[in-house]
Amino acid sequence: MVTVTEEALSELPEPVRRSLQRSALVGRPVPGAVTVLQDGRIRSSAEAKWLRFKARETYTIDPPGFTWRAALKIGGVTAGRATDTLAAGRGRMHVRLLGLKDIIDATGPEMDQGSAMRWLNETMWFPAVWATDVIRWQPIDDDSAIGSTTVGEQAVEAEFQFDPEGRLIDFRADRHRAIDDGFEVRPWRTPITEHANFNGIRLPARGSGVWELDDGDFEYIQIRVTDVRYGT
C-alpha cells in the first residue's frame, strides 16, 4: 500500500505541500477507493428552478474514474435520477425525470474531457493522491499551482488555489460545457466556502460550480459534503 511520505511532499509546489501538511496526511495511505456522500441543489440554466438532490459518488484512483448517482427532488419527492460516470477514460452524463424519456444522455470526446477534469477537481476529497505520480505539478506562486493528469486519451490541467493556511479555496480550468446539441469550451471554477473534518483529515465540505459566461457568472450547482469514506 502506497503511503504519503515527507520525501514525496518535498518535491511538490509550496502551496500543495502546505495543504497536505495541514491535513496531516504524512504517513497515511493513499486510498484505493473513495466514497463521498453529498446533498445540495442543481439547475440547468440561470432561469431554471433549483432542484434539490442527494448523491453518492464513488471513485477509483489509478486509473482515474468515478460514478455519481443522484436522486433529484421536488418538494421532497424524488422527481428524477442523474448519473455521471468516468470509466476507462470515457465520460457520460445521463438524466431522466420519472415517467419521462431521457432529458440528457451525453457522451463523446467533449464529455471525456469534462469528466476527466471533474475527476481532477474532486481529488480535493482524496488529496493524498496529490503526492503520487498520478498528478503532475507546476508551481505558480505561494498560493497556487497547476495540477495535471492524463485519463485515457485526455490530458487535463487546472489551477489549484490555496489560502495561506493551506486550505483549497478554488479550482479554475477550461472545460467543455454542453449547450443545445453541442459543446463549447468555457472557463469553469469551483469556489469552496467551508471545510470540515472527515476521517481525521480537513477537507472541503461546501462549495459550488460556476461557469464564466459572456453575460456573467452562472452558478449551476451548490454542494454540501456529508461524509467521506476511504477503502482499499
C-alpha atoms as a PDB file:
ATOM      1  CA  MET A   1       0.000   0.000   0.000  1.00  0.00           C
ATOM      2  CA  VAL A   2       1.384   3.417  -1.017  1.00  0.00           C
ATOM      3  CA  THR A   3       1.679   5.979   1.780  1.00  0.00           C
ATOM      4  CA  VAL A   4       2.309   9.717   1.721  1.00  0.00           C
ATOM      5  CA  THR A   5       5.934  10.426   2.648  1.00  0.00           C
ATOM      6  CA  GLU A   6       7.931  13.524   3.603  1.00  0.00           C
ATOM      7  CA  GLU A   7      10.135  12.810   0.584  1.00  0.00           C
ATOM      8  CA  ALA A   8       7.146  12.917  -1.760  1.00  0.00           C
ATOM      9  CA  LEU A   9       5.973  16.203  -0.216  1.00  0.00           C
ATOM     10  CA  SER A  10       9.405  17.774  -0.653  1.00  0.00           C
ATOM     11  CA  GLU A  11       9.012  17.515  -4.427  1.00  0.00           C
ATOM     12  CA  LEU A  12       5.662  19.361  -4.521  1.00  0.00           C
ATOM     13  CA  PRO A  13       4.998  23.084  -5.065  1.00  0.00           C
ATOM     14  CA  GLU A  14       4.859  25.043  -1.799  1.00  0.00           C
ATOM     15  CA  PRO A  15       1.063  25.549  -1.579  1.00  0.00           C
ATOM     16  CA  VAL A  16       0.355  21.875  -2.344  1.00  0.00           C
ATOM     17  CA  ARG A  17       2.893  20.763   0.268  1.00  0.00           C
ATOM     18  CA  ARG A  18       1.413  23.204   2.791  1.00  0.00           C
ATOM     19  CA  SER A  19      -2.077  21.843   2.158  1.00  0.00           C
ATOM     20  CA  LEU A  20      -1.050  18.208   2.645  1.00  0.00           C
ATOM     21  CA  GLN A  21       0.894  19.056   5.800  1.00  0.00           C
ATOM     22  CA  ARG A  22      -2.113  20.926   7.198  1.00  0.00           C
ATOM     23  CA  SER A  23      -4.238  17.849   6.549  1.00  0.00           C
ATOM     24  CA  ALA A  24      -1.773  15.637   8.494  1.00  0.00           C
ATOM     25  CA  LEU A  25      -1.514  13.217   5.575  1.00  0.00           C
ATOM     26  CA  VAL A  26       2.141  12.225   6.014  1.00  0.00           C
ATOM     27  CA  GLY A  27       2.261   8.522   6.866  1.00  0.00           C
ATOM     28  CA  ARG A  28      -1.324   7.938   5.767  1.00  0.00           C
ATOM     29  CA  PRO A  29      -2.107   5.515   2.936  1.00  0.00           C
ATOM     30  CA  VAL A  30      -3.283   6.675  -0.457  1.00  0.00           C
ATOM     31  CA  PRO A  31      -6.815   5.228  -0.678  1.00  0.00           C
ATOM     32  CA  GLY A  32      -7.589   2.790  -3.451  1.00  0.00           C
ATOM     33  CA  ALA A  33     -11.280   3.706  -3.433  1.00  0.00           C
ATOM     34  CA  VAL A  34     -13.279   6.648  -2.103  1.00  0.00           C
ATOM     35  CA  THR A  35     -16.969   7.246  -1.380  1.00  0.00           C
ATOM     36  CA  VAL A  36     -18.381  10.763  -0.917  1.00  0.00           C
ATOM     37  CA  LEU A  37     -21.951  11.495   0.221  1.00  0.00           C
ATOM     38  CA  GLN A  38     -23.438  14.831  -0.808  1.00  0.00           C
ATOM     39  CA  ASP A  39     -26.565  16.908  -0.864  1.00  0.00           C
ATOM     40  CA  GLY A  40     -27.298  20.224  -2.498  1.00  0.00           C
ATOM     41  CA  ARG A  41     -29.151  21.748  -5.381  1.00  0.00           C
ATOM     42  CA  ILE A  42     -28.653  21.987  -9.137  1.00  0.00           C
ATOM     43  CA  ARG A  43     -30.180  23.822 -12.100  1.00  0.00           C
ATOM     44  CA  SER A  44     -29.841  23.706 -15.881  1.00  0.00           C
ATOM     45  CA  SER A  45     -29.865  27.462 -16.568  1.00  0.00           C
ATOM     46  CA  ALA A  46     -29.980  30.780 -14.765  1.00  0.00           C
ATOM     47  CA  GLU A  47     -33.735  30.913 -15.449  1.00  0.00           C
ATOM     48  CA  ALA A  48     -34.487  27.338 -14.344  1.00  0.00           C
ATOM     49  CA  LYS A  49     -35.685  26.347 -10.892  1.00  0.00           C
ATOM     50  CA  TRP A  50     -33.251  24.740  -8.481  1.00  0.00           C
ATOM     51  CA  LEU A  51     -33.690  21.000  -7.919  1.00  0.00           C
ATOM     52  CA  ARG A  52     -32.617  19.514  -4.597  1.00  0.00           C
ATOM     53  CA  PHE A  53     -30.529  16.347  -4.736  1.00  0.00           C
ATOM     54  CA  LYS A  54     -28.900  13.697  -2.607  1.00  0.00           C
ATOM     55  CA  ALA A  55     -25.946  11.904  -4.154  1.00  0.00           C
ATOM     56  CA  ARG A  56     -23.419   9.160  -3.601  1.00  0.00           C
ATOM     57  CA  GLU A  57     -20.163   9.247  -5.538  1.00  0.00           C
ATOM     58  CA  THR A  58     -17.513   6.546  -5.696  1.00  0.00           C
ATOM     59  CA  TYR A  59     -14.012   6.990  -7.108  1.00  0.00           C
ATOM     60  CA  THR A  60     -11.103   4.908  -8.295  1.00  0.00           C
ATOM     61  CA  ILE A  61      -7.624   6.394  -8.158  1.00  0.00           C
ATOM     62  CA  ASP A  62      -5.482   4.544 -10.692  1.00  0.00           C
ATOM     63  CA  PRO A  63      -6.905   4.512 -13.269  1.00  0.00           C
ATOM     64  CA  PRO A  64      -8.992   7.618 -12.510  1.00  0.00           C
ATOM     65  CA  GLY A  65     -12.730   7.021 -12.527  1.00  0.00           C
ATOM     66  CA  PHE A  66     -15.977   7.853 -10.751  1.00  0.00           C
ATOM     67  CA  THR A  67     -19.690   7.136 -10.595  1.00  0.00           C
ATOM     68  CA  TRP A  68     -22.018   9.862  -9.302  1.00  0.00           C
ATOM     69  CA  ARG A  69     -25.619   8.834  -8.665  1.00  0.00           C
ATOM     70  CA  ALA A  70     -28.127  11.455  -7.551  1.00  0.00           C
ATOM     71  CA  ALA A  71     -31.821  11.500  -6.717  1.00  0.00           C
ATOM     72  CA  LEU A  72     -33.381  14.763  -7.909  1.00  0.00           C
ATOM     73  CA  LYS A  73     -36.153  16.059  -5.674  1.00  0.00           C
ATOM     74  CA  ILE A  74     -39.040  18.495  -5.981  1.00  0.00           C
ATOM     75  CA  GLY A  75     -40.858  19.321  -2.761  1.00  0.00           C
ATOM     76  CA  GLY A  76     -39.058  16.496  -1.005  1.00  0.00           C
ATOM     77  CA  VAL A  77     -40.297  13.912  -3.532  1.00  0.00           C
ATOM     78  CA  THR A  78     -37.910  12.145  -5.923  1.00  0.00           C
ATOM     79  CA  ALA A  79     -38.608  13.507  -9.409  1.00  0.00           C
ATOM     80  CA  GLY A  80     -35.700  12.076 -11.368  1.00  0.00           C
ATOM     81  CA  ARG A  81     -32.319  10.390 -11.395  1.00  0.00           C
ATOM     82  CA  ALA A  82     -28.951  11.639 -12.603  1.00  0.00           C
ATOM     83  CA  THR A  83     -25.823   9.584 -13.239  1.00  0.00           C
ATOM     84  CA  ASP A  84     -22.416  10.937 -14.193  1.00  0.00           C
ATOM     85  CA  THR A  85     -19.604   8.450 -14.871  1.00  0.00           C
ATOM     86  CA  LEU A  86     -15.981   8.231 -15.915  1.00  0.00           C
ATOM     87  CA  ALA A  87     -14.861   4.702 -16.779  1.00  0.00           C
ATOM     88  CA  ALA A  88     -11.984   3.532 -18.977  1.00  0.00           C
ATOM     89  CA  GLY A  89     -11.376   7.146 -19.947  1.00  0.00           C
ATOM     90  CA  ARG A  90     -14.950   7.690 -21.191  1.00  0.00           C
ATOM     91  CA  GLY A  91     -17.424  10.132 -19.662  1.00  0.00           C
ATOM     92  CA  ARG A  92     -21.208  10.002 -19.708  1.00  0.00           C
ATOM     93  CA  MET A  93     -23.953  12.165 -18.205  1.00  0.00           C
ATOM     94  CA  HIS A  94     -27.439  10.654 -18.041  1.00  0.00           C
ATOM     95  CA  VAL A  95     -30.506  12.410 -16.580  1.00  0.00           C
ATOM     96  CA  ARG A  96     -34.063  11.086 -16.591  1.00  0.00           C
ATOM     97  CA  LEU A  97     -37.129  12.598 -14.974  1.00  0.00           C
ATOM     98  CA  LEU A  98     -39.530   9.988 -13.610  1.00  0.00           C
ATOM     99  CA  GLY A  99     -42.137   8.955 -16.136  1.00  0.00           C
ATOM    100  CA  LEU A 100     -40.374  10.788 -18.970  1.00  0.00           C
ATOM    101  CA  LYS A 101     -37.734   9.960 -21.531  1.00  0.00           C
ATOM    102  CA  ASP A 102     -34.092  10.818 -21.022  1.00  0.00           C
ATOM    103  CA  ILE A 103     -33.591  14.589 -20.968  1.00  0.00           C
ATOM    104  CA  ILE A 104     -29.775  14.292 -21.077  1.00  0.00           C
ATOM    105  CA  ASP A 105     -27.658  11.425 -22.384  1.00  0.00           C
ATOM    106  CA  ALA A 106     -24.305  12.886 -23.347  1.00  0.00           C
ATOM    107  CA  THR A 107     -21.178  11.031 -24.464  1.00  0.00           C
ATOM    108  CA  GLY A 108     -18.227  11.719 -26.751  1.00  0.00           C
ATOM    109  CA  PRO A 109     -14.763  13.281 -26.579  1.00  0.00           C
ATOM    110  CA  GLU A 110     -16.084  16.507 -25.052  1.00  0.00           C
ATOM    111  CA  MET A 111     -17.691  14.552 -22.223  1.00  0.00           C
ATOM    112  CA  ASP A 112     -14.464  12.577 -21.834  1.00  0.00           C
ATOM    113  CA  GLN A 113     -12.567  15.839 -21.297  1.00  0.00           C
ATOM    114  CA  GLY A 114     -15.184  17.260 -18.955  1.00  0.00           C
ATOM    115  CA  SER A 115     -15.303  14.096 -16.883  1.00  0.00           C
ATOM    116  CA  ALA A 116     -11.518  13.871 -16.636  1.00  0.00           C
ATOM    117  CA  MET A 117     -11.495  17.493 -15.456  1.00  0.00           C
ATOM    118  CA  ARG A 118     -14.190  16.702 -12.902  1.00  0.00           C
ATOM    119  CA  TRP A 119     -12.100  13.838 -11.511  1.00  0.00           C
ATOM    120  CA  LEU A 120      -9.060  16.130 -11.218  1.00  0.00           C
ATOM    121  CA  ASN A 121     -11.198  18.709  -9.422  1.00  0.00           C
ATOM    122  CA  GLU A 122     -12.643  16.210  -6.987  1.00  0.00           C
ATOM    123  CA  THR A 123      -9.265  14.916  -5.857  1.00  0.00           C
ATOM    124  CA  MET A 124      -9.889  17.607  -3.232  1.00  0.00           C
ATOM    125  CA  TRP A 125     -11.679  14.833  -1.313  1.00  0.00           C
ATOM    126  CA  PHE A 126      -8.747  12.404  -1.516  1.00  0.00           C
ATOM    127  CA  PRO A 127      -5.754  14.774  -1.631  1.00  0.00           C
ATOM    128  CA  ALA A 128      -3.237  12.055  -0.735  1.00  0.00           C
ATOM    129  CA  VAL A 129      -3.221  11.358  -4.493  1.00  0.00           C
ATOM    130  CA  TRP A 130      -1.566  14.762  -4.987  1.00  0.00           C
ATOM    131  CA  ALA A 131       1.646  13.210  -3.624  1.00  0.00           C
ATOM    132  CA  THR A 132       1.671  10.390  -6.206  1.00  0.00           C
ATOM    133  CA  ASP A 133       2.688  10.273  -9.853  1.00  0.00           C
ATOM    134  CA  VAL A 134      -0.987  10.215 -10.885  1.00  0.00           C
ATOM    135  CA  ILE A 135      -0.883  14.029 -10.601  1.00  0.00           C
ATOM    136  CA  ARG A 136       1.833  16.230 -12.129  1.00  0.00           C
ATOM    137  CA  TRP A 137       2.513  19.701 -10.685  1.00  0.00           C
ATOM    138  CA  GLN A 138       3.881  23.020 -11.910  1.00  0.00           C
ATOM    139  CA  PRO A 139       4.383  25.852  -9.389  1.00  0.00           C
ATOM    140  CA  ILE A 140       2.850  29.288  -9.982  1.00  0.00           C
ATOM    141  CA  ASP A 141       3.343  31.206  -6.719  1.00  0.00           C
ATOM    142  CA  ASP A 142       2.984  30.823  -2.939  1.00  0.00           C
ATOM    143  CA  ASP A 143      -0.771  30.277  -3.182  1.00  0.00           C
ATOM    144  CA  SER A 144      -1.391  28.406  -6.435  1.00  0.00           C
ATOM    145  CA  ALA A 145      -0.112  25.600  -8.652  1.00  0.00           C
ATOM    146  CA  ILE A 146      -1.077  23.841 -11.872  1.00  0.00           C
ATOM    147  CA  GLY A 147      -2.111  20.217 -11.436  1.00  0.00           C
ATOM    148  CA  SER A 148      -2.489  17.888 -14.409  1.00  0.00           C
ATOM    149  CA  THR A 149      -3.293  14.267 -15.158  1.00  0.00           C
ATOM    150  CA  THR A 150      -4.000  12.011 -18.116  1.00  0.00           C
ATOM    151  CA  VAL A 151      -7.164   9.928 -18.274  1.00  0.00           C
ATOM    152  CA  GLY A 152      -7.354   7.655 -21.291  1.00  0.00           C
ATOM    153  CA  GLU A 153      -6.709   9.943 -24.258  1.00  0.00           C
ATOM    154  CA  GLN A 154      -7.456  13.134 -22.321  1.00  0.00           C
ATOM    155  CA  ALA A 155      -4.730  15.262 -20.749  1.00  0.00           C
ATOM    156  CA  VAL A 156      -6.266  17.889 -18.464  1.00  0.00           C
ATOM    157  CA  GLU A 157      -4.837  20.609 -16.256  1.00  0.00           C
ATOM    158  CA  ALA A 158      -6.170  23.228 -13.866  1.00  0.00           C
ATOM    159  CA  GLU A 159      -5.084  25.871 -11.397  1.00  0.00           C
ATOM    160  CA  PHE A 160      -5.479  24.922  -7.730  1.00  0.00           C
ATOM    161  CA  GLN A 161      -5.715  27.961  -5.435  1.00  0.00           C
ATOM    162  CA  PHE A 162      -4.978  27.823  -1.677  1.00  0.00           C
ATOM    163  CA  ASP A 163      -5.201  30.244   1.240  1.00  0.00           C
ATOM    164  CA  PRO A 164      -2.169  30.980   3.480  1.00  0.00           C
ATOM    165  CA  GLU A 165      -3.218  28.207   5.914  1.00  0.00           C
ATOM    166  CA  GLY A 166      -3.243  25.581   3.165  1.00  0.00           C
ATOM    167  CA  ARG A 167      -6.968  25.287   2.571  1.00  0.00           C
ATOM    168  CA  LEU A 168      -8.001  24.740  -1.049  1.00  0.00           C
ATOM    169  CA  ILE A 169     -10.272  27.668  -1.902  1.00  0.00           C
ATOM    170  CA  ASP A 170     -10.770  27.460  -5.677  1.00  0.00           C
ATOM    171  CA  PHE A 171     -10.062  25.430  -8.812  1.00  0.00           C
ATOM    172  CA  ARG A 172     -10.002  27.046 -12.261  1.00  0.00           C
ATOM    173  CA  ALA A 173      -9.866  25.424 -15.706  1.00  0.00           C
ATOM    174  CA  ASP A 174     -11.242  25.462 -19.236  1.00  0.00           C
ATOM    175  CA  ARG A 175     -13.867  22.738 -19.610  1.00  0.00           C
ATOM    176  CA  HIS A 176     -16.383  21.620 -22.229  1.00  0.00           C
ATOM    177  CA  ARG A 177     -19.913  22.782 -21.403  1.00  0.00           C
ATOM    178  CA  ALA A 178     -22.960  21.199 -23.026  1.00  0.00           C
ATOM    179  CA  ILE A 179     -25.146  23.685 -24.939  1.00  0.00           C
ATOM    180  CA  ASP A 180     -28.177  22.705 -27.023  1.00  0.00           C
ATOM    181  CA  ASP A 181     -26.901  19.870 -29.249  1.00  0.00           C
ATOM    182  CA  GLY A 182     -23.211  20.652 -28.895  1.00  0.00           C
ATOM    183  CA  PHE A 183     -20.451  21.853 -26.593  1.00  0.00           C
ATOM    184  CA  GLU A 184     -18.388  24.967 -26.006  1.00  0.00           C
ATOM    185  CA  VAL A 185     -15.193  25.444 -24.024  1.00  0.00           C
ATOM    186  CA  ARG A 186     -15.709  27.891 -21.151  1.00  0.00           C
ATOM    187  CA  PRO A 187     -13.800  28.927 -18.015  1.00  0.00           C
ATOM    188  CA  TRP A 188     -15.043  26.847 -15.083  1.00  0.00           C
ATOM    189  CA  ARG A 189     -14.340  27.124 -11.372  1.00  0.00           C
ATOM    190  CA  THR A 190     -15.407  25.568  -8.078  1.00  0.00           C
ATOM    191  CA  PRO A 191     -15.104  28.073  -5.203  1.00  0.00           C
ATOM    192  CA  ILE A 192     -15.002  26.427  -1.755  1.00  0.00           C
ATOM    193  CA  THR A 193     -16.625  28.144   1.220  1.00  0.00           C
ATOM    194  CA  GLU A 194     -16.314  25.639   4.069  1.00  0.00           C
ATOM    195  CA  HIS A 195     -14.019  22.828   5.271  1.00  0.00           C
ATOM    196  CA  ALA A 196     -14.699  20.042   7.772  1.00  0.00           C
ATOM    197  CA  ASN A 197     -13.005  17.049   9.392  1.00  0.00           C
ATOM    198  CA  PHE A 198     -13.573  13.670   7.717  1.00  0.00           C
ATOM    199  CA  ASN A 199     -11.567  10.635   8.846  1.00  0.00           C
ATOM    200  CA  GLY A 200      -9.227  12.963  10.716  1.00  0.00           C
ATOM    201  CA  ILE A 201      -8.481  14.966   7.538  1.00  0.00           C
ATOM    202  CA  ARG A 202      -9.619  18.545   6.896  1.00  0.00           C
ATOM    203  CA  LEU A 203     -11.365  18.517   3.511  1.00  0.00           C
ATOM    204  CA  PRO A 204     -13.626  20.842   1.511  1.00  0.00           C
ATOM    205  CA  ALA A 205     -17.190  20.451   2.743  1.00  0.00           C
ATOM    206  CA  ARG A 206     -19.207  23.099   0.929  1.00  0.00           C
ATOM    207  CA  GLY A 207     -18.847  24.833  -2.415  1.00  0.00           C
ATOM    208  CA  SER A 208     -20.334  25.411  -5.837  1.00  0.00           C
ATOM    209  CA  GLY A 209     -19.731  25.022  -9.557  1.00  0.00           C
ATOM    210  CA  VAL A 210     -19.610  28.157 -11.723  1.00  0.00           C
ATOM    211  CA  TRP A 211     -19.395  28.713 -15.476  1.00  0.00           C
ATOM    212  CA  GLU A 212     -17.962  32.047 -16.589  1.00  0.00           C
ATOM    213  CA  LEU A 213     -20.214  33.101 -19.477  1.00  0.00           C
ATOM    214  CA  ASP A 214     -20.293  36.160 -21.725  1.00  0.00           C
ATOM    215  CA  ASP A 215     -23.225  37.634 -19.786  1.00  0.00           C
ATOM    216  CA  GLY A 216     -21.777  36.879 -16.345  1.00  0.00           C
ATOM    217  CA  ASP A 217     -21.137  34.018 -13.960  1.00  0.00           C
ATOM    218  CA  PHE A 218     -23.630  31.131 -13.887  1.00  0.00           C
ATOM    219  CA  GLU A 219     -23.664  29.125 -10.645  1.00  0.00           C
ATOM    220  CA  TYR A 220     -25.280  25.817 -11.587  1.00  0.00           C
ATOM    221  CA  ILE A 221     -24.656  23.624  -8.559  1.00  0.00           C
ATOM    222  CA  GLN A 222     -24.253  24.025  -4.796  1.00  0.00           C
ATOM    223  CA  ILE A 223     -22.833  21.054  -2.871  1.00  0.00           C
ATOM    224  CA  ARG A 224     -22.518  20.081   0.787  1.00  0.00           C
ATOM    225  CA  VAL A 225     -20.426  17.009   1.624  1.00  0.00           C
ATOM    226  CA  THR A 226     -21.864  14.947   4.472  1.00  0.00           C
ATOM    227  CA  ASP A 227     -19.350  12.083   4.627  1.00  0.00           C
ATOM    228  CA  VAL A 228     -16.104  10.857   3.060  1.00  0.00           C
ATOM    229  CA  ARG A 229     -15.119   7.180   3.315  1.00  0.00           C
ATOM    230  CA  TYR A 230     -11.845   5.570   2.252  1.00  0.00           C
ATOM    231  CA  GLY A 231     -11.271   1.978   1.198  1.00  0.00           C
ATOM    232  CA  THR A 232      -8.604  -0.173  -0.395  1.00  0.00           C
END
